[in-house]
Protein backbone atom coordinates (compact mmCIF):
# COMPACT_ATOMS: atom_id res chain seq x y z
CA MET A 1 156.90 -42.10 -66.39
CA ARG A 2 156.27 -41.79 -70.11
CA LEU A 3 159.65 -43.37 -70.83
CA LEU A 4 158.88 -46.21 -68.45
CA HIS A 5 155.44 -46.63 -70.02
CA ARG A 6 156.99 -46.88 -73.49
CA CYS A 7 159.50 -49.43 -72.32
CA ASN A 8 156.81 -51.52 -70.73
CA LYS A 9 154.82 -51.31 -73.98
CA HIS A 10 157.80 -52.45 -76.08
CA VAL A 11 158.42 -55.31 -73.71
CA PHE A 12 154.79 -56.36 -73.86
CA ILE A 13 154.79 -56.29 -77.69
CA MET A 14 158.07 -58.27 -77.77
CA HIS A 15 156.54 -60.77 -75.38
CA VAL A 16 153.51 -61.21 -77.68
CA HIS A 17 155.75 -61.74 -80.69
CA VAL A 18 157.81 -64.28 -78.83
CA ARG A 19 154.71 -66.18 -77.81
CA ARG A 20 153.36 -66.16 -81.37
CA LEU A 21 156.66 -67.46 -82.68
CA ALA A 22 156.70 -70.20 -80.06
CA PHE A 23 153.14 -71.29 -80.86
CA ALA A 24 153.96 -71.29 -84.60
CA THR A 25 157.04 -73.44 -83.95
CA LEU A 26 154.99 -75.85 -81.86
CA ALA A 27 152.33 -76.01 -84.55
CA LEU A 28 154.91 -76.91 -87.13
CA LEU A 29 156.33 -79.64 -84.95
CA ALA A 30 152.91 -80.98 -84.19
CA HIS A 31 151.83 -80.93 -87.81
CA PRO A 32 154.92 -81.64 -89.98
CA VAL A 33 154.81 -81.44 -93.68
CA CYS A 34 153.94 -84.91 -94.83
CA ARG A 35 154.11 -84.48 -98.57
CA ALA A 36 156.67 -86.91 -99.95
CA GLU A 37 159.19 -85.78 -102.54
CA HIS A 38 158.57 -88.68 -105.01
CA ASP A 39 155.25 -89.57 -106.67
CA ILE A 40 153.48 -92.90 -106.36
CA GLU A 41 154.48 -94.24 -109.84
CA PHE A 42 158.17 -93.45 -109.04
CA VAL A 43 158.27 -95.52 -105.79
CA ALA A 44 156.01 -98.20 -107.18
CA GLU A 45 158.70 -98.80 -109.83
CA HIS A 46 161.67 -98.68 -107.49
CA LEU A 47 160.36 -101.18 -104.87
CA PRO A 48 160.57 -104.23 -107.15
CA GLU A 49 163.69 -102.93 -108.83
CA VAL A 50 165.48 -103.02 -105.45
CA ALA A 51 164.28 -106.61 -105.04
CA MET A 52 165.86 -107.42 -108.39
CA ASP A 53 169.17 -105.97 -107.12
CA ASN A 54 168.87 -108.00 -103.92
CA ARG A 55 168.63 -111.12 -106.12
CA TYR A 56 171.67 -110.25 -108.23
CA ALA A 57 173.57 -109.62 -105.03
CA THR A 58 172.78 -113.12 -103.70
CA LEU A 59 173.16 -115.22 -106.83
CA PRO A 60 174.67 -118.66 -105.87
CA VAL A 61 177.73 -118.36 -108.09
CA TRP A 62 180.45 -117.83 -105.46
CA GLY A 63 182.66 -120.28 -103.61
CA GLU A 64 184.04 -123.79 -104.37
CA SER A 65 186.71 -122.29 -106.60
CA SER A 66 189.76 -124.16 -105.31
CA ARG A 67 191.61 -126.84 -107.19
CA GLU A 68 190.65 -129.27 -104.48
CA SER A 69 186.98 -128.82 -105.22
CA PRO A 70 185.10 -131.97 -106.28
CA ALA A 71 184.09 -132.58 -109.82
CA TRP A 72 180.52 -131.77 -109.02
CA SER A 73 179.37 -129.56 -106.18
CA GLY A 74 176.20 -127.76 -105.26
CA ALA A 75 174.81 -124.95 -103.19
CA LEU A 76 171.55 -123.90 -101.53
CA GLN A 77 170.94 -120.28 -100.72
CA GLY A 78 168.22 -118.56 -98.69
CA ALA A 79 167.67 -114.96 -97.71
CA ALA A 80 165.14 -112.65 -96.02
CA SER A 81 164.70 -109.14 -97.31
CA THR A 82 162.64 -106.09 -96.58
CA THR A 83 162.52 -102.88 -98.59
CA SER A 84 160.54 -99.83 -97.49
CA VAL A 85 159.46 -96.40 -98.71
CA ALA A 86 157.73 -94.47 -95.88
CA THR A 87 154.96 -96.90 -94.84
CA LEU A 88 155.11 -98.93 -98.01
CA THR A 89 157.01 -102.27 -97.74
CA LEU A 90 158.08 -105.17 -99.97
CA ALA A 91 159.34 -108.11 -97.96
CA GLY A 92 159.72 -111.85 -98.14
CA ARG A 93 162.06 -114.70 -98.93
CA LEU A 94 164.72 -115.39 -101.65
CA LEU A 95 165.56 -118.98 -102.46
CA SER A 96 168.03 -120.41 -104.93
CA ALA A 97 170.04 -123.54 -105.80
CA ALA A 98 173.09 -124.18 -107.96
CA ALA A 99 175.19 -127.02 -109.38
CA GLN A 100 178.76 -126.55 -110.47
CA HIS A 101 181.16 -128.73 -112.49
CA THR A 102 184.94 -128.36 -112.18
CA ILE A 103 186.30 -128.69 -115.74
CA ASN A 104 190.00 -128.43 -114.99
CA ASP A 105 192.38 -126.64 -112.61
CA HIS A 106 191.23 -123.20 -113.82
CA TRP A 107 187.73 -123.53 -115.24
CA GLN A 108 184.31 -124.28 -113.70
CA ALA A 109 180.81 -124.17 -115.17
CA GLY A 110 177.48 -124.03 -113.33
CA LEU A 111 173.73 -123.78 -113.52
CA PHE A 112 171.36 -122.17 -111.05
CA GLY A 113 167.70 -121.33 -110.42
CA PHE A 114 165.94 -118.98 -108.06
CA TYR A 115 162.47 -118.22 -106.72
CA ASP A 116 161.79 -115.07 -104.71
CA ASN A 117 158.39 -114.71 -103.08
CA LEU A 118 157.70 -111.19 -101.74
CA ARG A 119 154.63 -109.35 -100.52
CA PHE A 120 153.59 -105.66 -100.61
CA SER A 121 152.03 -104.07 -97.57
CA GLY A 122 151.17 -100.56 -96.36
CA ASP A 123 148.23 -98.84 -94.61
CA ARG A 124 148.63 -95.14 -95.44
CA ASP A 125 151.04 -93.06 -97.49
CA GLU A 126 150.81 -89.41 -98.63
CA ARG A 127 152.61 -88.32 -101.83
CA PRO A 128 151.77 -86.95 -105.29
CA LEU A 129 149.60 -89.00 -107.66
CA GLN A 130 151.27 -89.33 -111.07
CA THR A 131 150.43 -91.60 -114.04
CA LEU A 132 153.06 -91.34 -116.79
CA PHE A 133 151.62 -94.61 -118.13
CA ALA A 134 148.28 -92.87 -118.79
CA PRO A 135 148.93 -89.14 -119.40
CA GLU A 136 145.34 -88.38 -120.50
CA THR A 137 143.50 -88.95 -117.20
CA PRO A 138 140.80 -86.41 -116.23
CA ILE A 139 142.76 -85.76 -113.06
CA GLU A 140 145.17 -82.88 -113.00
CA ARG A 141 148.53 -84.34 -112.15
CA PRO A 142 150.77 -84.42 -110.22
CA VAL A 143 148.36 -83.81 -107.37
CA ASP A 144 148.65 -84.63 -103.67
CA ALA A 145 146.84 -87.75 -102.56
CA VAL A 146 146.62 -90.26 -99.79
CA PHE A 147 147.14 -93.95 -100.67
CA THR A 148 145.81 -96.77 -98.54
CA ASN A 149 145.38 -100.54 -98.46
CA LEU A 150 148.49 -101.52 -100.33
CA ASP A 151 148.51 -105.21 -101.06
CA GLY A 152 149.86 -107.60 -103.61
CA ARG A 153 152.70 -110.01 -104.42
CA ALA A 154 155.95 -109.85 -106.32
CA LEU A 155 157.37 -113.08 -107.71
CA ASN A 156 160.87 -113.01 -109.17
CA TYR A 157 161.99 -116.32 -110.59
CA GLY A 158 164.25 -117.69 -113.25
CA GLY A 159 167.58 -119.42 -113.90
CA GLY A 160 170.85 -119.16 -115.67
CA PHE A 161 174.36 -120.43 -116.31
CA TYR A 162 177.83 -119.22 -115.62
CA PHE A 163 181.52 -119.99 -116.34
CA SER A 164 184.28 -119.06 -113.96
CA ARG A 165 188.10 -119.05 -114.10
CA THR A 166 190.33 -119.37 -111.06
CA SER A 167 193.86 -117.99 -111.04
CA ASP A 168 196.66 -117.41 -108.51
CA ASN A 169 198.60 -114.98 -110.66
CA GLY A 170 198.86 -111.25 -110.61
CA PHE A 171 198.58 -108.72 -107.80
CA LEU A 172 195.21 -110.16 -106.79
CA GLN A 173 196.81 -113.46 -105.98
CA GLN A 174 194.03 -116.09 -105.65
CA HIS A 175 190.96 -114.76 -107.42
CA ARG A 176 188.10 -115.91 -109.67
CA TRP A 177 186.30 -114.30 -112.57
CA VAL A 178 182.70 -115.20 -113.13
CA MET A 179 180.54 -114.52 -116.25
CA GLY A 180 177.15 -115.68 -117.39
CA ALA A 181 173.60 -114.84 -118.08
CA LEU A 182 170.18 -115.49 -116.59
CA TRP A 183 166.53 -115.20 -117.60
CA GLN A 184 164.11 -113.80 -115.09
CA SER A 185 160.40 -112.98 -114.80
CA VAL A 186 159.18 -110.36 -112.39
CA GLU A 187 155.43 -110.79 -111.84
CA LEU A 188 153.62 -108.04 -109.88
CA THR A 189 150.11 -109.23 -108.95
CA ASP A 190 147.36 -107.33 -107.04
CA TYR A 191 149.88 -104.50 -106.64
CA ARG A 192 147.21 -101.90 -105.94
CA PHE A 193 146.31 -98.85 -103.91
CA ASP A 194 143.13 -96.96 -103.01
CA TYR A 195 143.72 -93.25 -103.50
CA GLU A 196 141.93 -90.07 -102.41
CA ILE A 197 143.00 -86.64 -103.74
CA THR A 198 143.78 -84.21 -100.92
CA ASP A 199 144.48 -80.93 -102.78
CA GLY A 200 143.10 -78.73 -105.51
CA PRO A 201 139.64 -78.55 -107.13
CA GLN A 202 139.21 -82.35 -107.20
CA THR A 203 139.81 -82.77 -103.46
CA GLY A 204 137.92 -85.84 -102.24
CA LEU A 205 137.93 -87.68 -105.56
CA LYS A 206 138.59 -91.37 -104.96
CA GLY A 207 139.69 -94.33 -107.06
CA THR A 208 142.20 -97.16 -107.38
CA ILE A 209 145.56 -97.42 -109.03
CA ASP A 210 147.53 -100.58 -109.61
CA PHE A 211 150.85 -101.56 -111.13
CA ASP A 212 150.15 -105.21 -112.09
CA ALA A 213 152.55 -106.32 -114.76
CA THR A 214 155.01 -109.03 -115.82
CA TYR A 215 158.51 -107.92 -116.78
CA GLN A 216 160.85 -110.42 -118.36
CA HIS A 217 164.54 -109.83 -118.85
CA VAL A 218 167.67 -111.50 -120.07
CA VAL A 219 170.46 -110.45 -117.72
CA PRO A 220 174.16 -110.79 -118.69
CA PHE A 221 176.42 -110.57 -115.64
CA ALA A 222 180.08 -110.56 -114.78
CA GLY A 223 181.89 -110.50 -111.47
CA LEU A 224 185.02 -111.01 -109.41
CA GLU A 225 185.65 -113.02 -106.31
CA ILE A 226 188.75 -112.72 -104.06
CA PRO A 227 188.87 -115.44 -101.31
CA ARG A 228 191.27 -115.49 -98.41
CA ASP A 229 191.65 -118.38 -95.95
CA PHE A 230 191.98 -117.87 -92.17
CA GLY A 231 192.30 -121.25 -90.57
CA LYS A 232 188.88 -122.89 -90.61
CA TRP A 233 187.39 -119.71 -91.99
CA THR A 234 187.22 -118.09 -95.46
CA ALA A 235 186.45 -114.46 -96.27
CA SER A 236 185.43 -113.94 -99.91
CA PHE A 237 185.04 -110.47 -101.29
CA HIS A 238 182.87 -110.42 -104.47
CA THR A 239 181.41 -107.86 -106.83
CA LEU A 240 178.90 -108.33 -109.64
CA VAL A 241 177.63 -106.23 -112.50
CA ALA A 242 174.27 -107.22 -114.00
CA TRP A 243 172.47 -105.62 -116.97
CA PRO A 244 168.72 -106.49 -117.49
CA ILE A 245 167.72 -106.22 -121.14
CA PRO A 246 165.53 -104.93 -122.50
CA ARG A 247 164.40 -102.04 -120.31
CA ARG A 248 160.64 -101.75 -120.35
CA GLY A 249 158.02 -99.11 -119.74
CA VAL A 250 156.33 -98.93 -116.38
CA ALA A 251 152.81 -100.43 -116.68
CA GLY A 252 149.81 -99.23 -114.70
CA HIS A 253 146.03 -99.05 -114.40
CA ILE A 254 143.96 -96.23 -112.83
CA THR A 255 140.22 -95.93 -112.24
CA GLY A 256 138.07 -93.06 -110.94
CA PRO A 257 134.64 -91.55 -111.39
CA GLY A 258 133.83 -92.00 -115.10
CA PHE A 259 137.21 -93.34 -116.24
CA ASP A 260 139.24 -96.60 -116.41
CA LEU A 261 142.63 -96.25 -118.04
CA SER A 262 145.72 -98.41 -118.46
CA GLY A 263 148.98 -98.26 -120.38
CA ASP A 264 152.75 -98.12 -119.94
CA SER A 265 155.19 -95.22 -119.92
CA ALA A 266 157.01 -96.39 -123.08
CA SER A 267 153.87 -96.54 -125.21
CA ALA A 268 152.78 -93.13 -123.78
CA GLY A 269 156.04 -91.63 -124.91
CA ASN A 270 157.43 -91.17 -121.38
CA GLY A 271 160.35 -93.57 -121.58
CA LYS A 272 161.46 -97.04 -120.58
CA HIS A 273 162.41 -97.11 -116.96
CA PHE A 274 161.96 -100.59 -115.51
CA GLY A 275 165.10 -102.78 -115.27
CA ASP A 276 168.11 -100.84 -114.14
CA PRO A 277 171.74 -101.90 -114.50
CA SER A 278 173.05 -103.20 -111.15
CA VAL A 279 176.35 -103.20 -109.25
CA THR A 280 176.54 -105.15 -106.04
CA ILE A 281 179.25 -105.82 -103.48
CA GLY A 282 179.41 -108.64 -100.97
CA LEU A 283 181.62 -110.36 -98.44
CA ASP A 284 180.93 -114.04 -97.65
CA VAL A 285 182.22 -115.37 -94.37
CA THR A 286 182.37 -119.20 -94.56
CA TYR A 287 182.97 -121.72 -91.79
CA ARG A 288 184.57 -124.39 -93.93
CA PRO A 289 184.00 -127.49 -91.73
CA ALA A 290 180.21 -126.83 -92.02
CA ARG A 291 180.38 -125.26 -95.55
CA LEU A 292 178.14 -122.62 -94.22
CA SER A 293 178.40 -119.00 -95.43
CA VAL A 294 176.83 -115.70 -94.34
CA ASP A 295 177.04 -112.71 -96.69
CA ILE A 296 177.66 -109.85 -94.31
CA GLY A 297 179.00 -107.65 -97.08
CA THR A 298 175.71 -107.70 -98.99
CA LEU A 299 173.80 -106.93 -95.80
CA LEU A 300 175.81 -103.76 -95.35
CA THR A 301 176.24 -102.56 -98.95
CA GLN A 302 172.63 -103.10 -100.00
CA ALA A 303 171.52 -101.20 -96.93
CA LEU A 304 173.87 -98.32 -97.71
CA LEU A 305 173.84 -98.17 -101.50
CA GLU A 306 170.28 -98.90 -102.61
CA PRO A 307 168.77 -95.73 -101.00
CA LYS A 308 171.37 -93.76 -103.09
CA ILE A 309 170.94 -95.80 -106.26
CA HIS A 310 167.17 -95.81 -106.20
CA ASP A 311 165.83 -92.42 -104.98
CA GLY A 312 162.97 -92.59 -102.55
CA ILE A 313 163.97 -95.89 -100.90
CA ASP A 314 164.27 -95.37 -97.21
CA GLN A 315 165.51 -98.85 -96.11
CA ASN A 316 166.72 -102.00 -97.68
CA LEU A 317 167.87 -105.09 -95.70
CA VAL A 318 168.79 -108.43 -97.09
CA LEU A 319 170.40 -111.24 -95.07
CA SER A 320 171.68 -114.18 -97.15
CA VAL A 321 172.91 -117.56 -95.94
CA SER A 322 174.20 -120.44 -98.16
CA TRP A 323 175.32 -124.00 -97.72
CA SER A 324 177.53 -125.86 -100.22
CA TYR A 325 177.84 -129.56 -100.65
């Protein structure tokens, strides 16, 4: 009897432990850890930088490279893009136009301009608050906070020139080298959050943080295009390397009870981070009778590569269509 009693007791204790473990597991599933790995300044920098990469990926410098091309030709390009980090999103339209002159059998020259109009949005996001642009805030940082009411606009506009050389020689057979430079202005306006600290002795402290700034760059670029004809269709692989100069410090502005501070990470001694070198890969599929192209390669590669190139990015989609004339 005593042995049976002990066995029943052990079974009961084991049953209690199993129940506690089950309840603990359910509690973790019901209340997952929401703290993001990257702080707000980090992702606020990367959202517009991905938009810059999307623009480099869709520059209207490809196509019309055959010797039968007219002396003058043009192209119109349009794209829709959306980039997100958790609940924070930057989305909108990318527009550009180009004109190209065929100099001889091998050389072409062109001019282009672009205007990208994107908007920030987001209702609630939880991640660390950090301000490398203003290291002397009264807030102990990094500290967990909730960010709400993201709003604002990102304009990316500019223009540039390029030269290209077409050749049929070598193991690449028909191919085209492109080189040029552009000037761009990235204007971040009303790019702001409300924040509330959710951890530590300053829990409940509220304020606003914004990253309004204008970043201007000169961007040398070079690329390679390899077109192949398939009846009425052409598939053109292209890759481009772009290098924004100079890199700039990330600018910001934070307010809270009794303080109102602004600055940039470079002036604060925390480095120049805005304006990353870019490598993009695309594949235009063109229906030649209509001179209409869809860049399915950029759609895939920007979705796959940007979350690896820019940490913290969850999703990046850009669909580009162009028409030449």
